[in-house]
Each structure stands twice: as structure tokens, then as C-alpha cells.
Amino acid sequence: MKMAEQWIALSTIVRKEIVRFTRIWVQTLLPPVITMGLYFVIFGQLIGSRIGQMDGFSYVEFVVPGLIMMSVITNSYSNVVSSFFGVKFQKSVEELLVSPTPNYIILLGYVLGGVSRGLLVGFIVTLVSSFFTDLTIHSLPITIAIVFMTAVVFSLAGFFNAVFARTFDDISIVPTFILTPLTYLGGVFYSISLLPPFWQSVSQLNPILYMVNAFRYGILGISDININYAFFGVLVFIILLTVICLRLLARGTRLRS
């Protein structure tokens, strides 16, 4: 395909993905915002007032970056895994694979769709957080870079899960048993400096910890880990997942009948 044709194919996939989740915004955009709002009320206002400060900030200020990142992670992932599995389930993915559209355009289109939803929900949650605390930005480049890269990672992970899923139940296994525990244990609600040394070491094996702390550094200027490690780790995940997903598309693993 020529570059102009590739651009048309890419823009078509991205537009379809954005229309898909904005058309049913009551199901895709509103629930995570309500959920995050409840987190702000319960953890930020009710419990946070009893906890006091965390690393020099009020508790609600401390948890805001983690809650924003949690919304970006879950929505980037869920958008791609549900969308691509739906295409696979309906057998229309076979038409896409036999078309002259390059595999990297297919992957990029779905990933950008997931990133769009993740960033949109994250932006709305950020607006909601402004009703509970005065949010300031310590480093705008770091904030934008880490939230975008994180959305890309989990969009790719959602694509990977969708390829291997055989039923709709399969696409809920990873979020339930892997993604949710890693997110809640990823320093969203606490600093790992509060943990005993052994559990601090265990927590450092959680990749989400690095993403949350890098984003928290971008917002508040504090972090439990070296943010250089965070950016390096996220970049490695992006490259690795991209290579794997492209290979799965090329081989047609669980995509062709």
C-alpha cells in the first residue's frame, strides 16, 4: 500500500475505535469517572483526613496521581481487549487480515484507539480531582510522557489478551486476577517506604509501581523509585509487546479459522 492509502486505513481504524467508545459513553466514560469520584470521597476526604500527610502532602494529594494513572491503565486495556476480541468473535478480523493493510497499521490503529480512551478518561478524572484538591504539575514533560507510554503499554497488552482469548470470559481473566492486584499493590494508595524491607523488595517487581511513581513525580515531584528505571522499563515493555503482537498477526495465531 502507498503511504496515502496506509494513512486512510489507519485513520479509519482509529476513527472507528473512537466512535465505538464515545457512542456508548454512558458505559465507557461515565462509570470510571463515578468510580474515581467515590475513591476521592472515601479515601481522599473521609479516610485521608484521619491518615494525615504522606511524604509531605495531604493524603488526597498523594492518591490523586495514582487514581488518575489507574483509570488510564484500566481503560486503555479494556478498550482494546474488548474491541479486538469482538472483531475476532464476529470473524470480521479475517477480512482485515487478508486486506492489503499492513499488520503494523492494524496494530497501531487499535493501540491508538485504546490510548485515546485511556487519556480521555484520565483527563476527565483529572478534572474531577480538581474539586477535591488543588492539582499542580511539577514536570509537564514527564507527566505527559509517562501517561502516554503507559497507555500504549496496556493497549498492547489488551491486544495480546484479545488474540489469545477464546471466549468473552477469557478477556476478564487478566484484569481480574493480574491487572487489578498489580494496580492496587502498585503504590496507588500508599508509599512503599511504609512497608518492611522485604515487601519493599517484592513491590519493586511490580511494573505498575514504576508507572504510578513516575507519574506521581511528574505531578508532585516525589517518587519511591528512580524514574529513569520507570521510563526504561516502560520502553522495554512497549518494544517487546509490539514485536510479539506483530508476530501474532503475521502468523494469524488464533485469528484464522
Protein backbone atom coordinates (compact mmCIF):
# COMPACT_ATOMS: atom_id res chain seq x y z
CA MET A 1 0.00 0.00 0.00
CA LYS A 2 1.08 3.55 -0.68
CA MET A 3 1.60 5.95 2.23
CA ALA A 4 -1.64 7.80 1.47
CA GLU A 5 -3.57 4.51 1.47
CA GLN A 6 -1.92 3.45 4.73
CA TRP A 7 -2.95 6.76 6.29
CA ILE A 8 -6.55 6.22 5.17
CA ALA A 9 -6.52 2.71 6.66
CA LEU A 10 -5.02 3.93 9.94
CA SER A 11 -7.38 6.88 10.30
CA THR A 12 -10.35 4.63 9.53
CA ILE A 13 -9.45 2.15 12.29
CA VAL A 14 -8.75 4.91 14.81
CA ARG A 15 -11.96 6.74 13.93
CA LYS A 16 -13.95 3.53 14.28
CA GLU A 17 -12.43 2.89 17.72
CA ILE A 18 -13.10 6.40 18.96
CA VAL A 19 -16.68 6.39 17.67
CA ARG A 20 -17.20 2.98 19.27
CA PHE A 21 -16.46 4.11 22.83
CA THR A 22 -17.84 7.66 22.53
CA ARG A 23 -21.16 6.43 21.12
CA ILE A 24 -21.76 4.42 24.30
CA TRP A 25 -20.12 6.96 26.63
CA VAL A 26 -22.58 6.12 29.41
CA GLN A 27 -20.96 2.66 29.57
CA THR A 28 -17.36 3.55 28.72
CA LEU A 29 -16.62 7.05 30.07
CA LEU A 30 -19.11 7.67 32.88
CA PRO A 31 -18.59 4.56 35.11
CA PRO A 32 -14.82 5.03 35.63
CA VAL A 33 -15.36 8.71 36.43
CA ILE A 34 -18.01 7.84 39.03
CA THR A 35 -15.75 5.14 40.48
CA MET A 36 -12.79 7.51 40.75
CA GLY A 37 -15.05 10.15 42.28
CA LEU A 38 -16.04 7.68 45.01
CA TYR A 39 -12.36 6.93 45.61
CA PHE A 40 -11.71 10.64 46.05
CA VAL A 41 -14.58 10.97 48.53
CA ILE A 42 -13.81 7.83 50.55
CA PHE A 43 -10.01 7.68 50.50
CA GLY A 44 -9.28 11.34 49.94
CA GLN A 45 -11.80 13.08 52.18
CA LEU A 46 -13.10 10.58 54.75
CA ILE A 47 -10.12 8.30 55.36
CA GLY A 48 -7.48 10.76 54.19
CA SER A 49 -8.37 13.28 56.89
CA ARG A 50 -7.56 10.64 59.51
CA ILE A 51 -4.36 9.45 57.87
CA GLY A 52 -2.80 12.89 57.63
CA GLN A 53 0.14 13.63 55.38
CA MET A 54 2.02 11.22 53.13
CA ASP A 55 5.54 12.20 52.04
CA GLY A 56 4.83 15.83 52.86
CA PHE A 57 1.50 16.07 51.04
CA SER A 58 -2.08 15.65 52.20
CA TYR A 59 -3.35 12.14 51.57
CA VAL A 60 -5.80 13.24 48.88
CA GLU A 61 -2.96 14.99 47.01
CA PHE A 62 -0.87 11.84 47.32
CA VAL A 63 -3.50 9.46 45.89
CA VAL A 64 -4.71 11.68 43.05
CA PRO A 65 -1.84 10.77 40.64
CA GLY A 66 -2.29 7.07 41.41
CA LEU A 67 -6.04 7.19 40.79
CA ILE A 68 -5.57 9.06 37.51
CA MET A 69 -3.00 6.50 36.36
CA MET A 70 -5.25 3.63 37.46
CA SER A 71 -8.06 4.96 35.28
CA VAL A 72 -5.70 5.31 32.30
CA ILE A 73 -4.40 1.75 32.74
CA THR A 74 -7.77 0.03 33.06
CA ASN A 75 -9.47 1.94 30.24
CA SER A 76 -6.60 1.63 27.75
CA TYR A 77 -6.52 -2.10 28.36
CA SER A 78 -10.26 -2.75 28.36
CA ASN A 79 -10.91 -0.75 25.20
CA VAL A 80 -8.51 -2.76 23.03
CA VAL A 81 -9.21 -6.19 24.51
CA SER A 82 -12.98 -5.83 24.12
CA SER A 83 -12.85 -4.21 20.69
CA PHE A 84 -10.39 -6.56 19.02
CA PHE A 85 -11.92 -9.67 20.56
CA GLY A 86 -15.31 -8.51 19.29
CA VAL A 87 -13.87 -8.25 15.78
CA LYS A 88 -12.31 -11.69 16.15
CA PHE A 89 -15.51 -13.20 17.55
CA GLN A 90 -17.54 -11.85 14.62
CA LYS A 91 -14.96 -13.28 12.16
CA SER A 92 -14.50 -9.87 10.53
CA VAL A 93 -10.85 -9.90 11.57
CA GLU A 94 -10.20 -12.39 8.76
CA GLU A 95 -11.28 -9.80 6.20
CA LEU A 96 -8.92 -7.31 7.80
CA LEU A 97 -6.00 -9.76 7.69
CA VAL A 98 -6.46 -10.65 4.01
CA SER A 99 -6.67 -6.99 3.04
CA PRO A 100 -3.51 -5.19 1.87
CA THR A 101 -3.43 -3.27 5.15
CA PRO A 102 -0.01 -3.84 6.81
CA ASN A 103 -0.07 -5.54 10.20
CA TYR A 104 1.63 -2.59 11.87
CA ILE A 105 -1.18 -0.31 10.68
CA ILE A 106 -3.77 -2.67 12.17
CA LEU A 107 -1.92 -2.83 15.48
CA LEU A 108 -1.26 0.91 15.57
CA GLY A 109 -4.90 1.70 14.84
CA TYR A 110 -6.21 -0.37 17.74
CA VAL A 111 -3.49 0.86 20.08
CA LEU A 112 -4.24 4.50 19.29
CA GLY A 113 -7.91 3.80 19.93
CA GLY A 114 -7.07 2.39 23.36
CA VAL A 115 -4.72 5.27 24.11
CA SER A 116 -7.44 7.76 23.13
CA ARG A 117 -9.93 6.29 25.57
CA GLY A 118 -7.35 5.94 28.35
CA LEU A 119 -6.17 9.54 28.03
CA LEU A 120 -9.71 10.89 27.71
CA VAL A 121 -10.85 9.12 30.88
CA GLY A 122 -7.64 10.21 32.63
CA PHE A 123 -8.31 13.82 31.63
CA ILE A 124 -11.90 13.67 32.91
CA VAL A 125 -10.73 12.12 36.19
CA THR A 126 -8.16 14.91 36.48
CA LEU A 127 -10.95 17.47 36.14
CA VAL A 128 -12.96 15.65 38.82
CA SER A 129 -9.93 15.64 41.15
CA SER A 130 -9.79 19.44 40.94
CA PHE A 131 -12.96 19.52 43.06
CA PHE A 132 -11.12 17.75 45.88
CA THR A 133 -7.64 19.29 45.77
CA ASP A 134 -5.58 21.94 44.04
CA LEU A 135 -3.61 19.95 41.48
CA THR A 136 -0.26 21.34 40.38
CA ILE A 137 2.20 19.97 37.82
CA HIS A 138 5.83 19.54 38.87
CA SER A 139 7.09 18.49 35.42
CA LEU A 140 4.73 18.62 32.44
CA PRO A 141 7.04 16.71 30.01
CA ILE A 142 7.47 13.81 32.44
CA THR A 143 3.74 13.74 33.20
CA ILE A 144 2.70 13.65 29.55
CA ALA A 145 5.41 11.19 28.52
CA ILE A 146 4.76 8.58 31.23
CA VAL A 147 0.96 8.67 30.95
CA PHE A 148 1.13 8.29 27.16
CA MET A 149 3.68 5.47 27.30
CA THR A 150 1.67 3.67 30.00
CA ALA A 151 -1.48 3.89 27.88
CA VAL A 152 0.46 2.40 24.94
CA VAL A 153 1.75 -0.49 27.09
CA PHE A 154 -1.68 -1.52 28.31
CA SER A 155 -3.29 -1.06 24.92
CA LEU A 156 -0.72 -3.51 23.55
CA ALA A 157 -1.36 -5.84 26.49
CA GLY A 158 -5.10 -5.71 25.75
CA PHE A 159 -4.41 -6.58 22.12
CA PHE A 160 -2.26 -9.53 23.22
CA ASN A 161 -5.01 -10.81 25.54
CA ALA A 162 -7.66 -10.43 22.81
CA VAL A 163 -5.62 -12.53 20.37
CA PHE A 164 -5.42 -15.48 22.75
CA ALA A 165 -8.92 -15.20 24.25
CA ARG A 166 -11.37 -17.86 23.06
CA THR A 167 -14.48 -16.64 24.89
CA PHE A 168 -15.72 -13.41 26.45
CA ASP A 169 -14.90 -14.90 29.85
CA ASP A 170 -11.25 -15.13 28.83
CA ILE A 171 -10.91 -11.38 28.38
CA SER A 172 -11.86 -10.83 32.05
CA ILE A 173 -9.28 -13.25 33.49
CA VAL A 174 -6.26 -10.96 33.13
CA PRO A 175 -7.97 -7.81 34.50
CA THR A 176 -9.44 -9.72 37.44
CA PHE A 177 -6.52 -11.89 38.52
CA ILE A 178 -3.48 -9.93 37.29
CA LEU A 179 -4.20 -6.32 36.41
CA THR A 180 -6.34 -5.39 39.42
CA PRO A 181 -4.00 -6.88 42.08
CA LEU A 182 -0.93 -5.31 40.45
CA THR A 183 -2.70 -1.94 40.30
CA TYR A 184 -3.81 -1.94 43.92
CA LEU A 185 -0.35 -3.10 45.03
CA GLY A 186 1.36 -0.58 42.74
CA GLY A 187 1.63 2.27 45.23
CA VAL A 188 -1.64 3.94 44.29
CA PHE A 189 -2.81 4.34 47.89
CA TYR A 190 0.46 4.20 49.83
CA SER A 191 4.18 4.78 49.72
CA ILE A 192 6.27 1.61 49.71
CA SER A 193 8.54 3.29 52.28
CA LEU A 194 5.86 2.27 54.80
CA LEU A 195 6.47 -1.41 54.03
CA PRO A 196 9.07 -3.66 55.71
CA PRO A 197 12.31 -4.03 53.67
CA PHE A 198 11.34 -7.49 52.35
CA TRP A 199 7.98 -6.31 50.99
CA GLN A 200 9.60 -3.20 49.55
CA SER A 201 11.84 -5.51 47.51
CA VAL A 202 8.84 -7.58 46.42
CA SER A 203 6.91 -4.45 45.45
CA GLN A 204 9.76 -3.36 43.20
CA LEU A 205 8.98 -6.34 40.95
CA ASN A 206 5.60 -4.77 40.14
CA PRO A 207 5.89 -2.76 36.88
CA ILE A 208 2.84 -0.66 37.70
CA LEU A 209 4.68 0.68 40.76
CA TYR A 210 7.18 2.37 38.45
CA MET A 211 4.49 3.86 36.22
CA VAL A 212 2.49 5.24 39.14
CA ASN A 213 5.55 6.70 40.85
CA ALA A 214 6.89 8.27 37.66
CA PHE A 215 3.51 9.92 37.13
CA ARG A 216 3.41 10.99 40.79
CA TYR A 217 6.82 12.55 40.32
CA GLY A 218 5.53 14.47 37.31
CA ILE A 219 2.62 15.81 39.39
CA LEU A 220 4.06 16.22 42.89
CA GLY A 221 7.82 15.87 42.45
CA ILE A 222 8.12 12.82 44.75
CA SER A 223 8.77 9.18 43.94
CA ASP A 224 9.66 5.93 45.71
CA ILE A 225 11.76 4.78 42.77
CA ASN A 226 14.21 6.10 40.22
CA ILE A 227 12.06 7.47 37.39
CA ASN A 228 14.80 6.67 34.88
CA TYR A 229 14.16 2.99 35.61
CA ALA A 230 10.46 3.62 35.08
CA PHE A 231 10.91 5.11 31.61
CA PHE A 232 13.41 2.43 30.63
CA GLY A 233 11.12 -0.37 31.82
CA VAL A 234 8.06 1.05 30.06
CA LEU A 235 10.02 1.47 26.83
CA VAL A 236 11.20 -2.15 27.02
CA PHE A 237 7.61 -3.33 27.51
CA ILE A 238 6.43 -1.29 24.52
CA ILE A 239 9.10 -2.74 22.24
CA LEU A 240 8.60 -6.31 23.48
CA LEU A 241 4.80 -6.27 23.25
CA THR A 242 4.90 -4.61 19.83
CA VAL A 243 7.19 -7.31 18.44
CA ILE A 244 5.05 -10.08 19.95
CA CYS A 245 1.75 -8.62 18.70
CA LEU A 246 3.10 -8.09 15.18
CA ARG A 247 4.36 -11.67 15.10
CA LEU A 248 0.97 -12.96 16.26
CA LEU A 249 -0.73 -11.00 13.48
CA ALA A 250 1.73 -12.29 10.89
CA ARG A 251 1.19 -15.89 11.97
CA GLY A 252 -2.55 -15.47 12.39
CA THR A 253 -2.40 -17.14 15.80
CA ARG A 254 -5.99 -17.89 16.90
CA LEU A 255 -7.23 -15.39 14.34
CA ARG A 256 -7.84 -17.51 11.27
CA SER A 257 -10.36 -20.34 11.26
